[in-house]
Amino acid sequence: MALSDVEGSLNSLNQKLDWIINRLNYLENVLTESQQYPEVVDFLQSLKLGTALYGEPLKTLNRIVSARKLIDSTAQKDEITKIILNYIAVKGPKNISELTREIKRQRGKASRTTIRNRVTQLVKASNLLKDGNRYCLP
């Protein structure tokens, strides 16, 4: 299965999950206002919580697939770039210090200047977005 197929499937699952959660919210609101079936409201809250638990793994998988596509399409296919993109994909937005610590953990050495330069190149190439002092996948 190609990465674009996986990405399409993940997006479809995320949309369906969002629709289900919105529908559960609507039903919960209607039943709460009517105050007729409190046990059903409790059940809907539990169901909504259980459904929401599937959302985070799907979002993480979606970020990993996006990172994989970026790594494959990036002109720089070096180890530092791969670590940066994979780490942000799995853990979410990170700052330079967090990236430097992770690269040092994986490679045994890391220079903040090198990491900052690499991240700046990735931002210029639109492979990363800057959000305050954190960097995330587009």
C-alpha atoms as a PDB file:
ATOM      1  CA  MET A   1       0.000   0.000   0.000  1.00  0.00           C
ATOM      2  CA  ALA A   2       1.435   3.366  -1.044  1.00  0.00           C
ATOM      3  CA  LEU A   3       1.944   6.175   1.454  1.00  0.00           C
ATOM      4  CA  SER A   4      -0.707   8.294  -0.273  1.00  0.00           C
ATOM      5  CA  ASP A   5      -3.225   5.439   0.140  1.00  0.00           C
ATOM      6  CA  VAL A   6      -2.380   5.145   3.827  1.00  0.00           C
ATOM      7  CA  GLU A   7      -2.625   8.898   4.271  1.00  0.00           C
ATOM      8  CA  GLY A   8      -6.002   8.957   2.522  1.00  0.00           C
ATOM      9  CA  SER A   9      -7.284   6.129   4.714  1.00  0.00           C
ATOM     10  CA  LEU A  10      -6.071   7.853   7.881  1.00  0.00           C
ATOM     11  CA  ASN A  11      -7.700  11.136   6.860  1.00  0.00           C
ATOM     12  CA  SER A  12     -10.935   9.300   6.124  1.00  0.00           C
ATOM     13  CA  LEU A  13     -10.833   7.578   9.527  1.00  0.00           C
ATOM     14  CA  ASN A  14     -10.143  10.894  11.269  1.00  0.00           C
ATOM     15  CA  GLN A  15     -13.094  12.534   9.515  1.00  0.00           C
ATOM     16  CA  LYS A  16     -15.411   9.667  10.423  1.00  0.00           C
ATOM     17  CA  LEU A  17     -14.232   9.683  14.011  1.00  0.00           C
ATOM     18  CA  ASP A  18     -14.776  13.449  14.249  1.00  0.00           C
ATOM     19  CA  TRP A  19     -18.283  13.005  12.821  1.00  0.00           C
ATOM     20  CA  ILE A  20     -19.073  10.282  15.370  1.00  0.00           C
ATOM     21  CA  ILE A  21     -17.819  12.418  18.263  1.00  0.00           C
ATOM     22  CA  ASN A  22     -19.831  15.437  17.056  1.00  0.00           C
ATOM     23  CA  ARG A  23     -22.930  13.268  16.755  1.00  0.00           C
ATOM     24  CA  LEU A  24     -22.401  11.855  20.268  1.00  0.00           C
ATOM     25  CA  ASN A  25     -22.023  15.425  21.586  1.00  0.00           C
ATOM     26  CA  TYR A  26     -25.296  16.393  19.928  1.00  0.00           C
ATOM     27  CA  LEU A  27     -27.148  13.389  21.377  1.00  0.00           C
ATOM     28  CA  GLU A  28     -25.674  14.034  24.803  1.00  0.00           C
ATOM     29  CA  ASN A  29     -26.808  17.689  24.695  1.00  0.00           C
ATOM     30  CA  VAL A  30     -30.341  16.761  23.628  1.00  0.00           C
ATOM     31  CA  LEU A  31     -30.669  14.126  26.345  1.00  0.00           C
ATOM     32  CA  THR A  32     -29.131  16.377  28.995  1.00  0.00           C
ATOM     33  CA  GLU A  33     -31.627  19.142  28.206  1.00  0.00           C
ATOM     34  CA  SER A  34     -34.589  16.770  28.336  1.00  0.00           C
ATOM     35  CA  GLN A  35     -33.387  15.276  31.657  1.00  0.00           C
ATOM     36  CA  GLN A  36     -35.336  12.098  30.942  1.00  0.00           C
ATOM     37  CA  TYR A  37     -32.649   9.446  30.555  1.00  0.00           C
ATOM     38  CA  PRO A  38     -29.641  10.226  32.800  1.00  0.00           C
ATOM     39  CA  GLU A  39     -28.299   6.664  32.442  1.00  0.00           C
ATOM     40  CA  VAL A  40     -28.170   7.094  28.653  1.00  0.00           C
ATOM     41  CA  VAL A  41     -26.272  10.379  29.090  1.00  0.00           C
ATOM     42  CA  ASP A  42     -23.705   8.568  31.249  1.00  0.00           C
ATOM     43  CA  PHE A  43     -23.414   5.834  28.629  1.00  0.00           C
ATOM     44  CA  LEU A  44     -22.938   8.421  25.847  1.00  0.00           C
ATOM     45  CA  GLN A  45     -20.209  10.168  27.851  1.00  0.00           C
ATOM     46  CA  SER A  46     -18.389   6.859  28.291  1.00  0.00           C
ATOM     47  CA  LEU A  47     -18.834   6.027  24.617  1.00  0.00           C
ATOM     48  CA  LYS A  48     -17.536   9.453  23.602  1.00  0.00           C
ATOM     49  CA  LEU A  49     -14.487   9.038  25.834  1.00  0.00           C
ATOM     50  CA  GLY A  50     -13.763   5.615  24.364  1.00  0.00           C
ATOM     51  CA  THR A  51     -14.148   6.928  20.836  1.00  0.00           C
ATOM     52  CA  ALA A  52     -11.850   9.882  21.531  1.00  0.00           C
ATOM     53  CA  LEU A  53      -9.121   7.468  22.680  1.00  0.00           C
ATOM     54  CA  TYR A  54      -8.804   6.268  19.075  1.00  0.00           C
ATOM     55  CA  GLY A  55      -8.199   9.806  17.856  1.00  0.00           C
ATOM     56  CA  GLU A  56      -4.709  10.273  19.284  1.00  0.00           C
ATOM     57  CA  PRO A  57      -3.162   7.128  17.757  1.00  0.00           C
ATOM     58  CA  LEU A  58      -4.708   8.058  14.395  1.00  0.00           C
ATOM     59  CA  LYS A  59      -3.258  11.567  14.594  1.00  0.00           C
ATOM     60  CA  THR A  60       0.143  10.138  15.512  1.00  0.00           C
ATOM     61  CA  LEU A  61       0.008   7.711  12.576  1.00  0.00           C
ATOM     62  CA  ASN A  62      -0.982  10.571  10.293  1.00  0.00           C
ATOM     63  CA  ARG A  63       2.030  12.636  11.468  1.00  0.00           C
ATOM     64  CA  ILE A  64       4.330   9.626  10.933  1.00  0.00           C
ATOM     65  CA  VAL A  65       3.044   9.108   7.379  1.00  0.00           C
ATOM     66  CA  SER A  66       3.503  12.837   6.685  1.00  0.00           C
ATOM     67  CA  ALA A  67       7.054  12.695   8.039  1.00  0.00           C
ATOM     68  CA  ARG A  68       7.812   9.653   5.902  1.00  0.00           C
ATOM     69  CA  LYS A  69       6.611  11.480   2.800  1.00  0.00           C
ATOM     70  CA  LEU A  70       8.722  14.510   3.744  1.00  0.00           C
ATOM     71  CA  ILE A  71      11.808  12.365   4.297  1.00  0.00           C
ATOM     72  CA  ASP A  72      11.305  10.693   0.922  1.00  0.00           C
ATOM     73  CA  SER A  73      10.782  14.017  -0.862  1.00  0.00           C
ATOM     74  CA  THR A  74      13.459  16.042   0.952  1.00  0.00           C
ATOM     75  CA  ALA A  75      16.626  16.702  -0.976  1.00  0.00           C
ATOM     76  CA  GLN A  76      18.618  16.269   2.245  1.00  0.00           C
ATOM     77  CA  LYS A  77      18.260  12.652   3.266  1.00  0.00           C
ATOM     78  CA  ASP A  78      20.826  12.731   6.041  1.00  0.00           C
ATOM     79  CA  GLU A  79      20.497  11.157   9.459  1.00  0.00           C
ATOM     80  CA  ILE A  80      19.910  14.417  11.363  1.00  0.00           C
ATOM     81  CA  THR A  81      17.027  15.443   9.102  1.00  0.00           C
ATOM     82  CA  LYS A  82      15.429  12.020   9.450  1.00  0.00           C
ATOM     83  CA  ILE A  83      15.711  12.123  13.232  1.00  0.00           C
ATOM     84  CA  ILE A  84      14.232  15.643  13.385  1.00  0.00           C
ATOM     85  CA  LEU A  85      11.261  14.796  11.174  1.00  0.00           C
ATOM     86  CA  ASN A  86      10.589  11.423  12.838  1.00  0.00           C
ATOM     87  CA  TYR A  87      10.838  12.848  16.354  1.00  0.00           C
ATOM     88  CA  ILE A  88       8.440  15.702  15.590  1.00  0.00           C
ATOM     89  CA  ALA A  89       6.083  13.250  13.870  1.00  0.00           C
ATOM     90  CA  VAL A  90       5.929  10.967  16.891  1.00  0.00           C
ATOM     91  CA  LYS A  91       6.129  13.472  19.746  1.00  0.00           C
ATOM     92  CA  GLY A  92       4.552  16.580  18.215  1.00  0.00           C
ATOM     93  CA  PRO A  93       5.943  20.135  18.108  1.00  0.00           C
ATOM     94  CA  LYS A  94       9.414  20.544  19.640  1.00  0.00           C
ATOM     95  CA  ASN A  95      11.905  23.366  20.156  1.00  0.00           C
ATOM     96  CA  ILE A  96      15.610  23.398  19.255  1.00  0.00           C
ATOM     97  CA  SER A  97      16.718  22.282  22.733  1.00  0.00           C
ATOM     98  CA  GLU A  98      14.388  19.280  22.719  1.00  0.00           C
ATOM     99  CA  LEU A  99      15.516  18.319  19.220  1.00  0.00           C
ATOM    100  CA  THR A 100      19.174  18.649  20.212  1.00  0.00           C
ATOM    101  CA  ARG A 101      18.672  16.400  23.262  1.00  0.00           C
ATOM    102  CA  GLU A 102      16.926  13.753  21.156  1.00  0.00           C
ATOM    103  CA  ILE A 103      19.588  13.793  18.433  1.00  0.00           C
ATOM    104  CA  LYS A 104      22.298  13.572  21.090  1.00  0.00           C
ATOM    105  CA  ARG A 105      20.466  10.605  22.628  1.00  0.00           C
ATOM    106  CA  GLN A 106      20.210   8.811  19.283  1.00  0.00           C
ATOM    107  CA  ARG A 107      23.587   9.684  17.771  1.00  0.00           C
ATOM    108  CA  GLY A 108      25.752  10.261  20.848  1.00  0.00           C
ATOM    109  CA  LYS A 109      26.580  13.826  19.825  1.00  0.00           C
ATOM    110  CA  ALA A 110      24.725  16.904  18.645  1.00  0.00           C
ATOM    111  CA  SER A 111      25.495  20.565  18.139  1.00  0.00           C
ATOM    112  CA  ARG A 112      22.756  23.121  18.810  1.00  0.00           C
ATOM    113  CA  THR A 113      24.090  25.235  15.964  1.00  0.00           C
ATOM    114  CA  THR A 114      23.924  22.342  13.510  1.00  0.00           C
ATOM    115  CA  ILE A 115      20.415  21.432  14.620  1.00  0.00           C
ATOM    116  CA  ARG A 116      19.245  25.056  14.378  1.00  0.00           C
ATOM    117  CA  ASN A 117      20.747  25.370  10.883  1.00  0.00           C
ATOM    118  CA  ARG A 118      19.101  22.119   9.759  1.00  0.00           C
ATOM    119  CA  VAL A 119      15.731  23.173  11.184  1.00  0.00           C
ATOM    120  CA  THR A 120      16.052  26.569   9.465  1.00  0.00           C
ATOM    121  CA  GLN A 121      16.685  24.792   6.147  1.00  0.00           C
ATOM    122  CA  LEU A 122      13.649  22.578   6.711  1.00  0.00           C
ATOM    123  CA  VAL A 123      11.489  25.633   7.471  1.00  0.00           C
ATOM    124  CA  LYS A 124      12.734  27.424   4.320  1.00  0.00           C
ATOM    125  CA  ALA A 125      11.932  24.298   2.286  1.00  0.00           C
ATOM    126  CA  SER A 126       8.422  24.250   3.864  1.00  0.00           C
ATOM    127  CA  ASN A 127       9.085  20.856   5.442  1.00  0.00           C
ATOM    128  CA  LEU A 128       8.571  22.285   8.936  1.00  0.00           C
ATOM    129  CA  LEU A 129       6.463  25.129  10.283  1.00  0.00           C
ATOM    130  CA  LYS A 130       7.577  27.484  13.022  1.00  0.00           C
ATOM    131  CA  ASP A 131       5.013  28.072  15.757  1.00  0.00           C
ATOM    132  CA  GLY A 132       6.534  30.459  18.310  1.00  0.00           C
ATOM    133  CA  ASN A 133       9.722  28.717  19.391  1.00  0.00           C
ATOM    134  CA  ARG A 134       8.445  25.256  18.422  1.00  0.00           C
ATOM    135  CA  TYR A 135       8.561  23.454  15.106  1.00  0.00           C
ATOM    136  CA  CYS A 136       5.891  21.157  13.722  1.00  0.00           C
ATOM    137  CA  LEU A 137       5.021  19.296  10.545  1.00  0.00           C
ATOM    138  CA  PRO A 138       2.954  21.174   7.944  1.00  0.00           C
END
